[in-house]
Amino acid sequence: MGAGYSVWVLEYSYVTNYHKSGVIYGAHNEGYVKLPYCYVLIKGNGHVVMVDVGYNHKEYGGMLGDRFGVENWHSPRDVLAECGVKPEDVDTVFITHAHFDHLGNTDDFPNATFYIQERELSKWIWAMSLPDRMRWLMGAVDPSDILRAVDLARQGRLVVVEGDREDVLPGIDLHAAFDSHTYGSQWVHVRNDGRVPSQDSWVLAGDLVYVFENLEFDGASIGVEKMYNPVGLAVGSQTNLLLATEEMMKSVQHEMRRVIPIHEERLRDTFPSRITRNNLRISEICLSADHDSMVN
């Protein structure tokens, strides 16, 4: 592998007051937190890559955004322009899961090949077929997004993955987390040294973790110093979320700062960051020698 990858987390909108119990399981009556909506830009080794693509602020996607209280939405063209990238430049997209704020903007990336877990796609089609009394399962899904993903298959631009896959691109692996946050969630492992095991790698966790507390929660009440505490939403199980968290942490030798919670506002305090002219944050997770900083 060459000089490795640069990784940026790009905020494209946010919810100012998101109930904390949705972010940290069991945090009932503990108020609200800001929840950034973000995706990830990766550049290196001849590739321009996205992890997730946000949502389209129109039709049912817009209705879901309004329902969740999303503010200050901007298109991928506007957001990526801050990094000198156009949506047409993106050649690869890894979809961590099919919730509307991660899958909805596929139409904006006409030259990309998309990767998604087969179980994620097939199980949401199954969930769509259930009676209305089961509709809770679809609360964060735009059915049109699922249809757009199927159309990507028709175009020959969808790769459905079954489980883990190493070196999808050089030094980038996909790892499945079945029946956790969603039916077929996956996380992305970027190994900048190209080695297995890697001593210089990053995990892009999707929604398997939302905030740092999911990785390091005060466990004094049950007699431990720190413990994992899962996110508030799992259509699978909290157990599977914890098991996925352990796998992510193991892949980076339990160095917590290398597991990136995309919805974490405090990335701004942990990594070099700047606020754009649209009042949205860019956080620079790592920078290859081949690239200029996007935050200086």
Protein backbone atom coordinates (compact mmCIF):
# COMPACT_ATOMS: atom_id res chain seq x y z
CA MET A 1 0.00 0.00 0.00
CA GLY A 2 1.12 3.59 -0.58
CA ALA A 3 1.02 6.48 1.83
CA GLY A 4 -2.30 5.50 3.36
CA TYR A 5 -5.53 7.43 3.59
CA SER A 6 -6.79 10.76 4.84
CA VAL A 7 -10.09 10.67 6.71
CA TRP A 8 -12.50 13.52 7.44
CA VAL A 9 -15.87 13.50 9.22
CA LEU A 10 -18.17 16.00 7.50
CA GLU A 11 -21.25 17.37 9.26
CA TYR A 12 -24.13 18.05 6.84
CA SER A 13 -26.90 18.94 9.33
CA TYR A 14 -27.76 18.43 12.99
CA VAL A 15 -30.47 18.01 15.58
CA THR A 16 -30.05 20.62 18.30
CA ASN A 17 -32.07 18.79 20.97
CA TYR A 18 -31.98 15.01 20.59
CA HIS A 19 -33.20 12.95 23.54
CA LYS A 20 -30.19 11.52 25.37
CA SER A 21 -31.90 8.16 25.87
CA GLY A 22 -31.67 7.61 22.11
CA VAL A 23 -27.91 8.12 22.25
CA ILE A 24 -27.09 6.21 25.45
CA TYR A 25 -29.23 3.22 26.43
CA GLY A 26 -31.00 3.79 29.73
CA ALA A 27 -30.36 7.56 29.92
CA HIS A 28 -34.00 8.29 30.62
CA ASN A 29 -35.05 11.74 31.82
CA GLU A 30 -31.49 13.02 31.38
CA GLY A 31 -32.35 15.74 28.92
CA TYR A 32 -31.13 16.41 25.41
CA VAL A 33 -27.88 16.61 23.45
CA LYS A 34 -26.84 17.99 20.08
CA LEU A 35 -26.69 15.21 17.49
CA PRO A 36 -24.64 16.03 14.39
CA TYR A 37 -25.61 14.27 11.16
CA CYS A 38 -22.39 13.39 9.35
CA TYR A 39 -20.75 11.22 6.74
CA VAL A 40 -17.10 10.39 6.11
CA LEU A 41 -14.75 11.32 3.28
CA ILE A 42 -11.69 9.12 2.67
CA LYS A 43 -9.01 9.92 0.10
CA GLY A 44 -5.94 7.92 -0.83
CA ASN A 45 -4.42 5.21 -2.99
CA GLY A 46 -6.15 6.64 -6.05
CA HIS A 47 -9.64 6.54 -4.51
CA VAL A 48 -12.23 9.00 -3.27
CA VAL A 49 -14.49 7.18 -0.84
CA MET A 50 -17.54 8.00 1.24
CA VAL A 51 -18.83 6.18 4.29
CA ASP A 52 -22.58 6.84 4.06
CA VAL A 53 -24.17 9.63 2.03
CA GLY A 54 -26.68 11.41 4.26
CA TYR A 55 -30.31 11.95 3.29
CA ASN A 56 -32.17 13.82 0.57
CA HIS A 57 -34.11 16.71 2.08
CA LYS A 58 -37.21 16.22 -0.05
CA GLU A 59 -40.28 14.03 -0.24
CA TYR A 60 -40.37 11.41 2.54
CA GLY A 61 -36.71 11.99 3.41
CA GLY A 62 -37.55 15.60 4.15
CA MET A 63 -40.54 14.54 6.23
CA LEU A 64 -38.30 12.28 8.33
CA GLY A 65 -35.80 15.10 8.73
CA ASP A 66 -38.57 17.36 9.99
CA ARG A 67 -39.86 14.64 12.32
CA PHE A 68 -36.45 14.27 13.92
CA GLY A 69 -35.93 18.03 14.15
CA VAL A 70 -33.05 18.26 11.68
CA GLU A 71 -31.68 21.76 11.05
CA ASN A 72 -29.24 23.41 8.66
CA TRP A 73 -29.27 20.64 6.03
CA HIS A 74 -26.86 21.05 3.13
CA SER A 75 -26.36 18.91 0.05
CA PRO A 76 -23.30 16.71 -0.54
CA ARG A 77 -22.22 19.13 -3.27
CA ASP A 78 -22.09 22.00 -0.77
CA VAL A 79 -20.49 19.94 2.00
CA LEU A 80 -17.84 18.25 -0.16
CA ALA A 81 -16.92 21.54 -1.84
CA GLU A 82 -15.32 22.57 1.47
CA CYS A 83 -12.81 19.77 0.84
CA GLY A 84 -12.35 20.47 -2.88
CA VAL A 85 -14.33 17.38 -3.87
CA LYS A 86 -17.39 17.00 -6.12
CA PRO A 87 -19.91 14.15 -5.74
CA GLU A 88 -18.91 12.99 -9.22
CA ASP A 89 -15.36 12.38 -7.94
CA VAL A 90 -16.49 9.70 -5.48
CA ASP A 91 -15.79 6.19 -6.79
CA THR A 92 -16.74 4.06 -3.76
CA VAL A 93 -19.40 4.33 -1.05
CA PHE A 94 -19.67 2.07 1.99
CA ILE A 95 -23.17 2.12 3.50
CA THR A 96 -23.01 1.25 7.19
CA HIS A 97 -26.79 0.76 7.39
CA ALA A 98 -29.99 1.82 5.68
CA HIS A 99 -31.45 4.43 8.03
CA PHE A 100 -32.57 7.48 6.09
CA ASP A 101 -29.73 9.74 7.30
CA HIS A 102 -27.10 7.34 5.94
CA LEU A 103 -28.54 5.94 2.68
CA GLY A 104 -30.83 8.63 1.27
CA ASN A 105 -28.50 10.56 -1.06
CA THR A 106 -27.39 7.76 -3.39
CA ASP A 107 -28.62 9.69 -6.44
CA ASP A 108 -26.04 12.41 -5.80
CA PHE A 109 -23.09 10.07 -6.50
CA PRO A 110 -23.47 8.98 -10.14
CA ASN A 111 -20.03 7.42 -10.56
CA ALA A 112 -19.78 5.46 -7.32
CA THR A 113 -20.03 1.77 -6.59
CA PHE A 114 -21.96 1.14 -3.37
CA TYR A 115 -21.30 -1.61 -0.81
CA ILE A 116 -24.00 -2.80 1.61
CA GLN A 117 -24.58 -5.97 3.57
CA GLU A 118 -26.98 -8.36 1.83
CA ARG A 119 -28.81 -8.88 5.12
CA GLU A 120 -29.33 -5.14 5.53
CA LEU A 121 -31.09 -4.85 2.19
CA SER A 122 -33.13 -8.05 2.30
CA LYS A 123 -34.35 -7.60 5.87
CA TRP A 124 -35.58 -4.05 5.27
CA ILE A 125 -37.55 -5.36 2.30
CA TRP A 126 -39.00 -7.95 4.68
CA ALA A 127 -39.80 -5.28 7.27
CA MET A 128 -41.57 -3.20 4.61
CA SER A 129 -43.87 -6.16 3.96
CA LEU A 130 -45.09 -6.45 7.56
CA PRO A 131 -48.51 -5.21 8.73
CA ASP A 132 -48.83 -1.59 9.77
CA ARG A 133 -48.95 -2.60 13.43
CA MET A 134 -45.23 -3.52 13.06
CA ARG A 135 -44.37 -0.11 11.60
CA TRP A 136 -42.12 0.84 14.55
CA LEU A 137 -39.37 -1.11 12.79
CA MET A 138 -39.46 1.35 9.87
CA GLY A 139 -39.34 4.47 12.02
CA ALA A 140 -35.97 5.69 10.67
CA VAL A 141 -36.17 4.17 7.17
CA ASP A 142 -37.36 5.81 3.95
CA PRO A 143 -38.74 2.96 1.80
CA SER A 144 -37.73 4.93 -1.29
CA ASP A 145 -34.10 4.62 -0.20
CA ILE A 146 -34.40 0.84 -0.29
CA LEU A 147 -35.84 1.03 -3.79
CA ARG A 148 -33.01 3.31 -4.87
CA ALA A 149 -30.52 0.76 -3.55
CA VAL A 150 -32.22 -1.95 -5.59
CA ASP A 151 -31.99 0.30 -8.64
CA LEU A 152 -28.26 0.64 -8.04
CA ALA A 153 -28.12 -3.14 -8.45
CA ARG A 154 -29.98 -2.79 -11.76
CA GLN A 155 -27.34 -0.28 -12.86
CA GLY A 156 -24.53 -2.63 -11.89
CA ARG A 157 -23.32 -0.25 -9.15
CA LEU A 158 -24.27 -2.20 -6.02
CA VAL A 159 -22.12 -4.83 -4.33
CA VAL A 160 -23.93 -6.85 -1.68
CA VAL A 161 -21.55 -8.23 0.92
CA GLU A 162 -22.20 -11.30 3.05
CA GLY A 163 -20.30 -10.85 6.28
CA ASP A 164 -16.74 -9.60 6.58
CA ARG A 165 -14.60 -8.70 3.58
CA GLU A 166 -10.93 -7.70 3.70
CA ASP A 167 -9.21 -5.32 1.31
CA VAL A 168 -12.33 -4.13 -0.47
CA LEU A 169 -9.93 -1.35 -1.32
CA PRO A 170 -6.25 -1.67 -0.35
CA GLY A 171 -6.13 -1.53 3.44
CA ILE A 172 -9.89 -1.04 3.91
CA ASP A 173 -12.01 -3.84 5.36
CA LEU A 174 -15.73 -4.23 6.00
CA HIS A 175 -16.99 -6.01 9.12
CA ALA A 176 -20.58 -7.11 9.68
CA ALA A 177 -22.49 -6.48 12.90
CA PHE A 178 -25.65 -8.47 12.31
CA ASP A 179 -28.85 -7.88 14.29
CA SER A 180 -27.38 -4.99 16.24
CA HIS A 181 -28.38 -1.37 15.56
CA THR A 182 -29.95 -2.72 12.36
CA TYR A 183 -30.25 -6.13 10.72
CA GLY A 184 -27.08 -5.85 8.65
CA SER A 185 -25.01 -2.99 10.02
CA GLN A 186 -21.34 -2.90 9.10
CA TRP A 187 -18.28 -0.97 10.22
CA VAL A 188 -15.30 0.15 8.18
CA HIS A 189 -11.71 -0.55 9.22
CA VAL A 190 -9.05 1.65 7.58
CA ARG A 191 -5.55 0.16 8.01
CA ASN A 192 -3.11 2.91 7.08
CA ASP A 193 -0.09 0.68 7.51
CA GLY A 194 -1.66 -2.05 5.35
CA ARG A 195 -0.89 -4.69 7.99
CA VAL A 196 -2.90 -7.34 9.83
CA PRO A 197 -3.01 -6.76 12.71
CA SER A 198 -2.64 -3.04 12.12
CA GLN A 199 -0.82 -0.63 14.41
CA ASP A 200 -2.14 2.44 12.58
CA SER A 201 -5.82 2.04 11.87
CA TRP A 202 -9.19 3.68 12.35
CA VAL A 203 -12.70 2.33 12.76
CA LEU A 204 -15.60 4.22 11.23
CA ALA A 205 -18.41 2.88 13.35
CA GLY A 206 -21.57 4.12 11.64
CA ASP A 207 -24.30 4.06 14.27
CA LEU A 208 -22.90 1.12 16.24
CA VAL A 209 -21.68 3.85 18.57
CA TYR A 210 -23.05 7.40 18.72
CA VAL A 211 -20.86 9.07 21.34
CA PHE A 212 -17.75 8.43 23.41
CA GLU A 213 -19.85 7.24 26.38
CA ASN A 214 -20.95 4.21 24.34
CA LEU A 215 -17.28 3.16 24.46
CA GLU A 216 -16.36 4.32 27.95
CA PHE A 217 -19.26 4.70 30.37
CA ASP A 218 -18.95 5.25 34.10
CA GLY A 219 -19.71 1.85 35.60
CA ALA A 220 -19.34 2.79 39.27
CA SER A 221 -22.98 1.97 39.97
CA ILE A 222 -22.29 -1.71 39.21
CA GLY A 223 -18.76 -1.85 40.58
CA VAL A 224 -16.60 -1.32 37.49
CA GLU A 225 -14.57 1.71 36.50
CA LYS A 226 -15.54 1.85 32.81
CA MET A 227 -17.80 -0.23 30.61
CA TYR A 228 -19.49 -0.20 27.23
CA ASN A 229 -23.02 1.20 27.17
CA PRO A 230 -24.86 0.72 23.88
CA VAL A 231 -26.83 3.19 21.81
CA GLY A 232 -30.53 3.54 22.51
CA LEU A 233 -31.85 1.98 19.30
CA ALA A 234 -31.37 -1.65 18.31
CA VAL A 235 -33.71 -3.55 16.01
CA GLY A 236 -31.44 -6.47 16.84
CA SER A 237 -30.16 -6.61 20.41
CA GLN A 238 -28.09 -4.64 22.85
CA THR A 239 -25.98 -7.76 23.36
CA ASN A 240 -25.00 -7.78 19.70
CA LEU A 241 -24.21 -4.07 19.90
CA LEU A 242 -21.83 -4.73 22.79
CA LEU A 243 -20.19 -7.64 20.97
CA ALA A 244 -19.69 -5.45 17.89
CA THR A 245 -18.19 -2.73 20.10
CA GLU A 246 -15.68 -5.21 21.48
CA GLU A 247 -14.69 -6.30 17.96
CA MET A 248 -14.18 -2.69 16.89
CA MET A 249 -12.10 -1.93 19.96
CA LYS A 250 -10.00 -5.08 19.53
CA SER A 251 -9.17 -4.07 15.96
CA VAL A 252 -7.47 -0.91 17.27
CA GLN A 253 -5.86 -2.53 20.35
CA HIS A 254 -8.57 -0.96 22.55
CA GLU A 255 -7.28 2.56 21.81
CA MET A 256 -10.64 4.28 22.17
CA ARG A 257 -9.84 7.44 20.16
CA ARG A 258 -9.39 5.30 17.04
CA VAL A 259 -13.07 4.24 17.03
CA ILE A 260 -14.90 7.18 15.48
CA PRO A 261 -18.53 7.81 16.54
CA ILE A 262 -19.92 9.72 13.58
CA HIS A 263 -22.69 11.42 15.60
CA GLU A 264 -20.30 12.69 18.29
CA GLU A 265 -20.26 16.48 18.62
CA ARG A 266 -17.05 16.33 20.66
CA LEU A 267 -14.99 15.15 17.71
CA ARG A 268 -14.32 18.89 17.43
CA ASP A 269 -12.41 18.73 20.73
CA THR A 270 -10.56 15.50 19.97
CA PHE A 271 -9.38 16.07 16.39
CA PRO A 272 -8.35 19.15 14.40
CA SER A 273 -11.60 20.74 13.23
CA ARG A 274 -13.09 23.85 11.73
CA ILE A 275 -16.53 25.32 11.20
CA THR A 276 -17.44 26.06 7.58
CA ARG A 277 -19.23 29.09 6.16
CA ASN A 278 -22.44 27.04 6.44
CA ASN A 279 -21.89 26.57 10.20
CA LEU A 280 -21.07 22.89 9.78
CA ARG A 281 -18.05 21.07 11.21
CA ILE A 282 -15.19 19.30 9.45
CA SER A 283 -13.07 17.04 11.68
CA GLU A 284 -9.76 15.74 10.33
CA ILE A 285 -9.24 12.24 11.72
CA CYS A 286 -5.93 11.51 9.96
CA LEU A 287 -3.97 13.14 7.18
CA SER A 288 -1.79 11.44 4.59
CA ALA A 289 1.38 13.15 3.44
CA ASP A 290 -0.24 13.24 -0.01
CA HIS A 291 -2.99 15.64 1.04
CA ASP A 292 -3.37 19.15 2.36
CA SER A 293 -5.19 19.76 5.62
CA MET A 294 -8.86 20.70 5.28
CA VAL A 295 -9.03 22.38 8.68
CA ASN A 296 -6.06 24.78 8.61
